[in-house]
Amino acid sequence: MKTLRDVKIGETARVAKIHGQGNIRRRIMDMGITKNVDIYVRKVAPLGDPIEINIRGYELSLRKEDASIIEVI
């Protein structure tokens, strides 16, 4: 299983599934990260956290912990 955390800078991935439960899953979906949406990884902070992505025309920063529950293809 490949997660958003594993995607390299400059790559695009498509969301296959969002793992997790309750409030965390709802918060991620409210940010526009839903099944079959494309995510472009723009940058990763020098210490690796957070990850900056481009999704649905806007930029978003995610913690590694949150990125690890987003399964991508």
N, C-alpha and C. Protein backbone atom coordinates (compact mmCIF):
# COMPACT_ATOMS: atom_id res chain seq x y z
N MET A 1 0.84 -1.18 0.00
CA MET A 1 0.00 0.00 0.00
C MET A 1 0.89 1.25 0.00
N LYS A 2 0.64 2.14 -0.93
CA LYS A 2 1.38 3.40 -1.03
C LYS A 2 0.51 4.51 -0.46
N THR A 3 1.11 5.34 0.37
CA THR A 3 0.37 6.45 0.96
C THR A 3 0.88 7.78 0.41
N LEU A 4 0.16 8.83 0.68
CA LEU A 4 0.56 10.17 0.25
C LEU A 4 1.91 10.54 0.85
N ARG A 5 2.22 10.01 2.00
CA ARG A 5 3.50 10.26 2.65
C ARG A 5 4.68 9.74 1.81
N ASP A 6 4.45 8.71 0.99
CA ASP A 6 5.49 8.09 0.18
C ASP A 6 5.71 8.77 -1.17
N VAL A 7 4.82 9.66 -1.57
CA VAL A 7 4.91 10.32 -2.88
C VAL A 7 6.05 11.34 -2.84
N LYS A 8 6.87 11.33 -3.87
CA LYS A 8 8.04 12.23 -3.95
C LYS A 8 7.63 13.62 -4.45
N ILE A 9 8.47 14.59 -4.19
CA ILE A 9 8.25 15.96 -4.65
C ILE A 9 8.17 15.98 -6.17
N GLY A 10 7.18 16.67 -6.70
CA GLY A 10 7.01 16.79 -8.14
C GLY A 10 6.16 15.70 -8.76
N GLU A 11 5.70 14.74 -7.98
CA GLU A 11 4.86 13.65 -8.49
C GLU A 11 3.39 13.94 -8.21
N THR A 12 2.55 13.34 -9.04
CA THR A 12 1.10 13.43 -8.86
C THR A 12 0.58 12.04 -8.53
N ALA A 13 -0.34 11.97 -7.60
CA ALA A 13 -0.94 10.71 -7.21
C ALA A 13 -2.45 10.87 -7.13
N ARG A 14 -3.17 9.78 -7.27
CA ARG A 14 -4.63 9.80 -7.18
C ARG A 14 -5.05 9.08 -5.90
N VAL A 15 -5.97 9.68 -5.18
CA VAL A 15 -6.45 9.10 -3.93
C VAL A 15 -7.27 7.85 -4.22
N ALA A 16 -6.90 6.74 -3.58
CA ALA A 16 -7.62 5.49 -3.72
C ALA A 16 -8.58 5.28 -2.54
N LYS A 17 -8.10 5.63 -1.33
CA LYS A 17 -8.91 5.41 -0.14
C LYS A 17 -8.37 6.25 1.00
N ILE A 18 -9.26 6.66 1.88
CA ILE A 18 -8.85 7.37 3.08
C ILE A 18 -9.12 6.45 4.27
N HIS A 19 -8.04 6.07 4.93
CA HIS A 19 -8.17 5.23 6.12
C HIS A 19 -8.40 6.15 7.31
N GLY A 20 -8.56 5.61 8.46
CA GLY A 20 -8.79 6.46 9.62
C GLY A 20 -10.27 6.50 9.94
N GLN A 21 -10.58 7.09 11.07
CA GLN A 21 -11.95 7.07 11.54
C GLN A 21 -12.35 8.41 12.13
N GLY A 22 -13.63 8.63 12.17
CA GLY A 22 -14.19 9.77 12.88
C GLY A 22 -13.75 11.13 12.39
N ASN A 23 -13.35 11.96 13.36
CA ASN A 23 -13.04 13.35 13.08
C ASN A 23 -11.87 13.55 12.14
N ILE A 24 -10.86 12.71 12.23
CA ILE A 24 -9.69 12.86 11.35
C ILE A 24 -10.10 12.65 9.90
N ARG A 25 -10.83 11.58 9.65
CA ARG A 25 -11.27 11.29 8.28
C ARG A 25 -12.18 12.40 7.76
N ARG A 26 -13.10 12.86 8.57
CA ARG A 26 -14.01 13.93 8.17
C ARG A 26 -13.25 15.21 7.86
N ARG A 27 -12.26 15.56 8.68
CA ARG A 27 -11.47 16.77 8.47
C ARG A 27 -10.72 16.70 7.14
N ILE A 28 -10.12 15.55 6.84
CA ILE A 28 -9.40 15.38 5.58
C ILE A 28 -10.35 15.50 4.40
N MET A 29 -11.52 14.90 4.50
CA MET A 29 -12.49 15.00 3.41
C MET A 29 -13.02 16.43 3.26
N ASP A 30 -13.16 17.14 4.35
CA ASP A 30 -13.61 18.54 4.29
C ASP A 30 -12.59 19.44 3.60
N MET A 31 -11.32 19.05 3.61
CA MET A 31 -10.28 19.82 2.93
C MET A 31 -10.28 19.55 1.42
N GLY A 32 -11.14 18.66 0.96
CA GLY A 32 -11.24 18.39 -0.47
C GLY A 32 -10.51 17.13 -0.90
N ILE A 33 -9.94 16.40 0.03
CA ILE A 33 -9.24 15.17 -0.30
C ILE A 33 -10.24 14.03 -0.26
N THR A 34 -10.72 13.66 -1.44
CA THR A 34 -11.70 12.60 -1.57
C THR A 34 -11.22 11.57 -2.59
N LYS A 35 -11.92 10.47 -2.68
CA LYS A 35 -11.54 9.39 -3.59
C LYS A 35 -11.48 9.90 -5.03
N ASN A 36 -10.46 9.45 -5.76
CA ASN A 36 -10.24 9.75 -7.19
C ASN A 36 -9.79 11.17 -7.50
N VAL A 37 -9.43 11.96 -6.50
CA VAL A 37 -8.92 13.30 -6.77
C VAL A 37 -7.39 13.22 -6.93
N ASP A 38 -6.84 14.02 -7.84
CA ASP A 38 -5.40 14.04 -8.07
C ASP A 38 -4.74 15.02 -7.11
N ILE A 39 -3.59 14.60 -6.56
CA ILE A 39 -2.83 15.43 -5.63
C ILE A 39 -1.40 15.57 -6.15
N TYR A 40 -0.93 16.79 -6.26
CA TYR A 40 0.43 17.08 -6.70
C TYR A 40 1.24 17.50 -5.47
N VAL A 41 2.36 16.84 -5.23
CA VAL A 41 3.21 17.16 -4.09
C VAL A 41 4.18 18.26 -4.51
N ARG A 42 4.01 19.46 -3.94
CA ARG A 42 4.85 20.61 -4.30
C ARG A 42 6.16 20.64 -3.54
N LYS A 43 6.10 20.53 -2.22
CA LYS A 43 7.32 20.59 -1.41
C LYS A 43 7.13 19.80 -0.12
N VAL A 44 8.28 19.54 0.48
CA VAL A 44 8.30 18.92 1.81
C VAL A 44 9.22 19.79 2.65
N ALA A 45 8.82 20.09 3.86
CA ALA A 45 9.63 20.93 4.75
C ALA A 45 10.98 20.28 5.01
N PRO A 46 11.99 21.07 5.33
CA PRO A 46 13.35 20.54 5.54
C PRO A 46 13.43 19.36 6.51
N LEU A 47 12.63 19.38 7.55
CA LEU A 47 12.65 18.26 8.49
C LEU A 47 11.61 17.19 8.15
N GLY A 48 10.94 17.35 7.00
CA GLY A 48 10.01 16.34 6.52
C GLY A 48 8.56 16.56 6.90
N ASP A 49 8.28 17.52 7.73
CA ASP A 49 6.90 17.73 8.16
C ASP A 49 6.63 19.23 8.23
N PRO A 50 5.68 19.80 7.58
CA PRO A 50 4.58 19.22 6.83
C PRO A 50 4.91 19.02 5.34
N ILE A 51 3.93 18.46 4.64
CA ILE A 51 4.01 18.25 3.20
C ILE A 51 3.08 19.27 2.55
N GLU A 52 3.57 19.98 1.54
CA GLU A 52 2.73 20.95 0.84
C GLU A 52 2.24 20.33 -0.46
N ILE A 53 0.92 20.33 -0.65
CA ILE A 53 0.33 19.72 -1.83
C ILE A 53 -0.53 20.73 -2.58
N ASN A 54 -0.83 20.41 -3.82
CA ASN A 54 -1.75 21.19 -4.63
C ASN A 54 -2.91 20.26 -4.97
N ILE A 55 -4.11 20.67 -4.61
CA ILE A 55 -5.30 19.86 -4.84
C ILE A 55 -6.47 20.75 -5.21
N ARG A 56 -7.18 20.39 -6.26
CA ARG A 56 -8.37 21.13 -6.71
C ARG A 56 -8.10 22.62 -6.90
N GLY A 57 -6.88 22.96 -7.32
CA GLY A 57 -6.55 24.36 -7.62
C GLY A 57 -6.09 25.18 -6.43
N TYR A 58 -5.91 24.59 -5.27
CA TYR A 58 -5.39 25.36 -4.14
C TYR A 58 -4.29 24.59 -3.43
N GLU A 59 -3.51 25.31 -2.64
CA GLU A 59 -2.39 24.71 -1.92
C GLU A 59 -2.81 24.39 -0.50
N LEU A 60 -2.26 23.29 0.00
CA LEU A 60 -2.63 22.80 1.31
C LEU A 60 -1.42 22.17 1.96
N SER A 61 -1.26 22.34 3.25
CA SER A 61 -0.18 21.69 3.98
C SER A 61 -0.78 20.62 4.88
N LEU A 62 -0.16 19.44 4.86
CA LEU A 62 -0.61 18.31 5.67
C LEU A 62 0.52 17.79 6.53
N ARG A 63 0.19 17.36 7.71
CA ARG A 63 1.18 16.69 8.55
C ARG A 63 1.44 15.31 7.99
N LYS A 64 2.64 14.78 8.25
CA LYS A 64 2.97 13.42 7.80
C LYS A 64 1.99 12.40 8.35
N GLU A 65 1.59 12.61 9.57
CA GLU A 65 0.65 11.69 10.23
C GLU A 65 -0.65 11.61 9.44
N ASP A 66 -1.16 12.75 8.98
CA ASP A 66 -2.39 12.78 8.20
C ASP A 66 -2.16 12.19 6.81
N ALA A 67 -1.02 12.49 6.22
CA ALA A 67 -0.70 11.96 4.88
C ALA A 67 -0.57 10.44 4.88
N SER A 68 -0.21 9.87 6.01
CA SER A 68 0.00 8.42 6.07
C SER A 68 -1.31 7.63 6.07
N ILE A 69 -2.45 8.28 6.27
CA ILE A 69 -3.72 7.54 6.22
C ILE A 69 -4.43 7.72 4.87
N ILE A 70 -3.77 8.41 3.93
CA ILE A 70 -4.34 8.61 2.59
C ILE A 70 -3.66 7.66 1.63
N GLU A 71 -4.38 6.63 1.21
CA GLU A 71 -3.83 5.65 0.27
C GLU A 71 -3.94 6.19 -1.15
N VAL A 72 -2.85 6.10 -1.91
CA VAL A 72 -2.84 6.63 -3.28
C VAL A 72 -2.39 5.55 -4.27
N ILE A 73 -2.68 5.82 -5.54
CA ILE A 73 -2.21 4.96 -6.63
C ILE A 73 -1.45 5.80 -7.63
